[in-house]
Structures are given as C-alpha cells and as structure tokens.
N, C-alpha and C. Protein backbone atom coordinates (compact mmCIF):
# COMPACT_ATOMS: atom_id res chain seq x y z
N UNK A 1 0.87 -1.22 0.10
CA UNK A 1 -0.03 -0.01 -0.02
C UNK A 1 0.73 1.24 -0.04
N UNK A 2 0.47 2.32 -0.59
CA UNK A 2 1.17 3.69 -0.65
C UNK A 2 0.21 4.63 -0.08
N UNK A 3 0.81 5.59 0.59
CA UNK A 3 0.08 6.85 1.00
C UNK A 3 0.85 8.07 0.48
N UNK A 4 0.21 9.07 0.48
CA UNK A 4 0.85 10.32 0.02
C UNK A 4 1.08 11.28 1.33
N UNK A 5 2.28 11.79 1.47
CA UNK A 5 2.58 12.67 2.53
C UNK A 5 2.95 14.00 1.89
N UNK A 6 2.13 15.04 1.97
CA UNK A 6 2.42 16.20 1.27
C UNK A 6 2.93 16.04 -0.23
N UNK A 7 2.13 15.14 -0.92
CA UNK A 7 2.35 14.75 -2.28
C UNK A 7 3.46 13.87 -2.50
N UNK A 8 4.07 13.46 -1.64
CA UNK A 8 5.28 12.36 -1.76
C UNK A 8 4.70 11.02 -1.35
N UNK A 9 4.80 10.00 -2.33
CA UNK A 9 4.52 8.66 -2.10
C UNK A 9 5.26 8.01 -1.03
N UNK A 10 4.72 7.36 -0.06
CA UNK A 10 5.32 6.44 0.94
C UNK A 10 4.88 5.18 0.97
N UNK A 11 5.76 4.19 0.92
CA UNK A 11 5.36 2.67 0.90
C UNK A 11 4.98 2.37 2.47
N UNK A 12 3.93 1.76 2.67
CA UNK A 12 3.45 1.17 3.92
C UNK A 12 3.65 -0.35 3.98
N UNK A 13 4.46 -0.73 4.88
CA UNK A 13 4.55 -2.23 4.85
C UNK A 13 4.29 -2.77 6.18
N UNK A 14 3.81 -4.03 6.39
CA UNK A 14 3.48 -4.66 7.59
C UNK A 14 4.68 -5.56 7.86
N UNK A 15 5.12 -5.46 9.31
CA UNK A 15 6.23 -6.24 9.64
C UNK A 15 5.83 -6.90 10.97
N UNK A 16 6.52 -7.97 11.24
CA UNK A 16 6.45 -8.64 12.62
C UNK A 16 6.65 -7.57 13.60
N UNK A 17 6.08 -7.62 14.80
CA UNK A 17 6.07 -6.59 15.83
C UNK A 17 7.71 -6.65 16.26
N UNK A 18 8.26 -5.49 15.70
CA UNK A 18 9.74 -5.30 15.96
C UNK A 18 10.03 -3.96 16.81
N UNK A 19 8.80 -3.46 17.36
CA UNK A 19 8.86 -2.21 17.98
C UNK A 19 9.37 -2.35 19.42
N UNK A 20 9.69 -1.21 19.96
CA UNK A 20 10.39 -1.31 21.34
C UNK A 20 9.41 -1.11 22.61
N UNK A 21 8.12 -1.14 22.41
CA UNK A 21 7.34 -0.89 23.45
C UNK A 21 5.85 -1.54 23.25
N UNK A 22 5.09 -1.57 24.31
CA UNK A 22 3.75 -2.21 23.99
C UNK A 22 2.80 -1.02 23.32
N UNK A 23 3.14 0.06 23.39
CA UNK A 23 2.39 1.27 22.76
C UNK A 23 2.99 1.82 21.51
N UNK A 24 3.99 1.19 21.01
CA UNK A 24 4.60 1.72 19.89
C UNK A 24 4.36 0.75 18.79
N UNK A 25 3.52 1.16 17.75
CA UNK A 25 2.93 0.28 16.61
C UNK A 25 3.58 0.43 15.29
N UNK A 26 4.42 1.54 15.11
CA UNK A 26 4.81 1.76 13.69
C UNK A 26 5.99 2.73 13.73
N UNK A 27 6.58 3.10 12.66
CA UNK A 27 7.65 3.96 12.45
C UNK A 27 7.64 4.52 10.94
N UNK A 28 8.11 5.71 10.92
CA UNK A 28 8.29 6.43 9.54
C UNK A 28 9.91 6.50 9.48
N UNK A 29 10.40 5.99 8.21
CA UNK A 29 11.73 6.47 7.73
C UNK A 29 11.58 7.51 6.78
N UNK A 30 11.92 8.63 7.18
CA UNK A 30 11.73 9.79 6.23
C UNK A 30 12.52 9.87 4.97
N UNK A 31 13.81 9.40 5.05
CA UNK A 31 14.64 9.37 3.77
C UNK A 31 14.19 8.36 2.82
N UNK A 32 13.76 7.11 3.33
CA UNK A 32 13.27 6.20 2.55
C UNK A 32 11.89 6.17 2.12
N UNK A 33 11.02 7.25 2.51
CA UNK A 33 9.66 7.33 2.34
C UNK A 33 8.87 6.03 2.64
N UNK A 34 9.26 5.49 3.74
CA UNK A 34 8.70 4.14 4.27
C UNK A 34 8.04 4.29 5.62
N UNK A 35 6.90 3.67 5.72
CA UNK A 35 6.19 3.56 6.86
C UNK A 35 6.20 1.91 7.21
N UNK A 36 6.56 1.57 8.27
CA UNK A 36 6.42 0.20 8.81
C UNK A 36 5.37 0.20 9.92
N UNK A 37 4.49 -0.66 9.91
CA UNK A 37 3.40 -0.99 10.97
C UNK A 37 3.40 -2.36 11.39
N UNK A 38 3.07 -2.66 12.70
CA UNK A 38 3.02 -3.93 13.16
C UNK A 38 1.85 -4.72 12.47
N UNK A 39 2.26 -5.71 11.79
CA UNK A 39 1.13 -6.51 10.96
C UNK A 39 0.24 -7.35 11.90
N UNK A 40 0.57 -7.42 13.18
CA UNK A 40 -0.07 -8.24 14.16
C UNK A 40 -1.39 -7.51 14.70
N UNK A 41 -1.57 -6.15 14.35
CA UNK A 41 -2.57 -5.44 14.83
C UNK A 41 -3.89 -5.58 14.19
N UNK A 42 -4.94 -5.48 14.93
CA UNK A 42 -6.32 -5.44 14.29
C UNK A 42 -6.44 -4.42 13.19
N UNK A 43 -7.27 -4.53 12.23
CA UNK A 43 -7.29 -3.66 11.02
C UNK A 43 -7.37 -2.27 11.47
N UNK A 44 -8.28 -1.78 12.36
CA UNK A 44 -8.58 -0.40 12.69
C UNK A 44 -7.32 0.13 13.40
N UNK A 45 -6.67 -0.57 14.17
CA UNK A 45 -5.40 -0.08 14.82
C UNK A 45 -4.28 0.07 13.69
N UNK A 46 -4.28 -0.75 12.76
CA UNK A 46 -3.28 -0.52 11.66
C UNK A 46 -3.52 0.87 10.88
N UNK A 47 -4.90 0.91 10.63
CA UNK A 47 -5.25 2.34 10.04
C UNK A 47 -4.94 3.46 10.96
N UNK A 48 -5.23 3.49 12.16
CA UNK A 48 -4.70 4.46 13.09
C UNK A 48 -3.32 4.64 13.16
N UNK A 49 -2.56 3.62 13.09
CA UNK A 49 -1.06 3.79 13.14
C UNK A 49 -0.58 4.42 11.91
N UNK A 50 -1.20 3.97 10.77
CA UNK A 50 -0.73 4.70 9.50
C UNK A 50 -1.03 6.28 9.70
N UNK A 51 -2.21 6.61 10.16
CA UNK A 51 -2.44 8.05 10.22
C UNK A 51 -1.45 8.69 11.29
N UNK A 52 -1.23 7.99 12.30
CA UNK A 52 -0.11 8.55 13.23
C UNK A 52 1.14 8.75 12.64
N UNK A 53 1.62 7.73 11.90
CA UNK A 53 2.96 8.10 11.31
C UNK A 53 2.84 8.98 10.16
N UNK A 54 1.73 9.32 9.50
CA UNK A 54 1.66 10.28 8.50
C UNK A 54 1.69 11.64 9.19
N UNK A 55 1.16 11.71 10.49
CA UNK A 55 1.21 12.97 11.21
C UNK A 55 2.78 13.42 11.46
N UNK A 56 3.44 12.28 11.76
CA UNK A 56 5.03 12.53 11.83
C UNK A 56 5.55 13.09 10.46
N UNK A 57 5.15 12.53 9.60
CA UNK A 57 5.72 12.78 8.18
C UNK A 57 5.36 14.17 7.72
N UNK A 58 3.96 14.52 7.93
CA UNK A 58 3.54 15.98 7.53
C UNK A 58 4.15 16.99 8.35
N UNK A 59 4.32 16.84 9.68
CA UNK A 59 4.94 17.87 10.45
C UNK A 59 6.46 17.99 10.03
N UNK A 60 7.16 16.68 9.90
CA UNK A 60 8.62 16.92 9.50
C UNK A 60 8.78 17.63 8.02
N UNK A 61 7.77 17.29 7.24
CA UNK A 61 7.93 17.88 5.85
C UNK A 61 7.67 19.33 5.78
N UNK A 62 6.75 19.76 6.73
CA UNK A 62 6.57 21.21 6.74
C UNK A 62 7.61 21.90 7.65
N UNK A 63 8.50 21.22 8.17
CA UNK A 63 9.68 21.96 8.76
C UNK A 63 9.46 22.03 10.29
N UNK A 64 8.43 21.33 10.88
CA UNK A 64 8.13 21.38 12.38
C UNK A 64 8.75 20.12 13.10
N UNK A 65 10.04 20.01 12.80
CA UNK A 65 10.82 18.77 13.43
C UNK A 65 10.59 18.63 14.91
N UNK A 66 10.48 19.77 15.68
CA UNK A 66 10.24 19.57 17.05
C UNK A 66 8.79 19.03 17.27
N UNK A 67 7.78 19.43 16.55
CA UNK A 67 6.66 18.82 16.79
C UNK A 67 6.53 17.33 16.25
N UNK A 68 7.15 17.07 15.15
CA UNK A 68 7.27 15.88 14.63
C UNK A 68 7.81 14.84 15.68
N UNK A 69 8.72 15.28 16.48
CA UNK A 69 9.40 14.34 17.53
C UNK A 69 8.67 14.39 18.96
N UNK A 70 7.57 15.20 19.04
CA UNK A 70 6.87 15.21 20.19
C UNK A 70 5.69 14.11 20.25
N UNK A 71 6.04 12.94 20.62
CA UNK A 71 5.20 11.74 20.56
C UNK A 71 3.67 12.14 21.09
N UNK A 72 3.68 12.80 22.24
CA UNK A 72 2.31 13.10 22.83
C UNK A 72 1.51 13.96 21.90
N UNK A 73 2.04 15.05 21.17
CA UNK A 73 1.37 15.74 20.33
C UNK A 73 0.93 15.06 19.07
N UNK A 74 1.92 14.35 18.52
CA UNK A 74 1.42 13.56 17.31
C UNK A 74 0.32 12.45 17.61
N UNK A 75 0.36 11.98 18.93
CA UNK A 75 -0.65 10.95 19.24
C UNK A 75 -1.91 11.54 19.29
N UNK A 76 -1.98 12.78 19.98
CA UNK A 76 -3.53 13.33 20.10
C UNK A 76 -3.86 13.80 18.76
N UNK A 77 -3.02 14.53 17.99
CA UNK A 77 -3.37 15.14 16.70
C UNK A 77 -3.82 13.85 15.74
N UNK A 78 -2.99 12.80 15.67
CA UNK A 78 -3.36 11.75 14.84
C UNK A 78 -4.67 11.03 15.25
N UNK A 79 -4.91 10.79 16.67
CA UNK A 79 -6.11 10.26 17.03
C UNK A 79 -7.22 11.13 16.65
N UNK A 80 -7.15 12.47 16.81
CA UNK A 80 -8.33 13.41 16.56
C UNK A 80 -8.60 13.37 14.97
N UNK A 81 -7.55 13.26 14.22
CA UNK A 81 -7.74 13.28 12.74
C UNK A 81 -8.50 11.96 12.38
N UNK A 82 -7.82 10.90 12.86
CA UNK A 82 -8.49 9.56 12.55
C UNK A 82 -9.89 9.42 13.11
N UNK A 83 -10.23 9.85 14.26
CA UNK A 83 -11.56 9.87 14.73
C UNK A 83 -12.51 10.78 13.88
N UNK A 84 -12.02 11.68 13.33
CA UNK A 84 -12.90 12.78 12.67
C UNK A 84 -13.30 12.19 11.39
N UNK A 85 -12.64 11.11 10.77
CA UNK A 85 -13.02 10.50 9.52
C UNK A 85 -13.82 9.26 9.58
N UNK A 86 -14.10 8.94 10.98
CA UNK A 86 -15.02 7.72 11.17
C UNK A 86 -16.36 8.04 10.60
N UNK A 87 -17.12 7.19 10.06
CA UNK A 87 -18.28 7.46 9.44
C UNK A 87 -19.49 7.30 10.73
N UNK A 88 -20.27 8.26 10.71
CA UNK A 88 -21.19 8.14 11.84
C UNK A 88 -22.49 7.25 11.34
N UNK A 89 -23.00 6.42 12.12
CA UNK A 89 -24.09 5.49 11.83
C UNK A 89 -25.32 5.76 12.53
N UNK A 90 -25.23 6.91 13.29
CA UNK A 90 -26.48 7.41 13.99
C UNK A 90 -27.31 8.23 13.23
C-alpha cells in the first residue's frame, strides 16, 4: 500500500512486531519514504497507526521537526484526525 504525505508517495509495509514497547506500533523512515506498521494489529489499529505515522511525516515535511518528534502531540493530533474521519451511523 502507498500513502501520500504532502504529495510524496510513501510505501506502507506490515512487519512482525519489531517495535520497542507495548504502545509503539509503527515507525516512519523519512529518507526512504517508508512506513512500517505492526502487521499483528487489528485492522482499525493498523489504519490508526498509519495516520499517526503520517502526522509525523507531515510535520517533518513542513519543517516542524520539534513537533514531529513530540510523541504526545503527534498521538493526540493523529487520534483526533483519525476519529474525525470515522463514519457516523447514528
């Protein structure tokens, strides 16, 4: 799968859980335009993780490296954006 971050295609690949904590589900490699996510996650968490990593990429691309490295900021922004695109069934 590919996603665009500020117009730049990034490959998204699923990998075995190789991340360093129970709450770290993915990572973005800026120079390689690559996002790795834990392939063992449920589908909704995979999508949420992709959005989270895209937030890192967007902030980095726009020159906000300090915010791109602020995990708490990226987590709340990514969650807010992900949840804003959920389809309401009510």
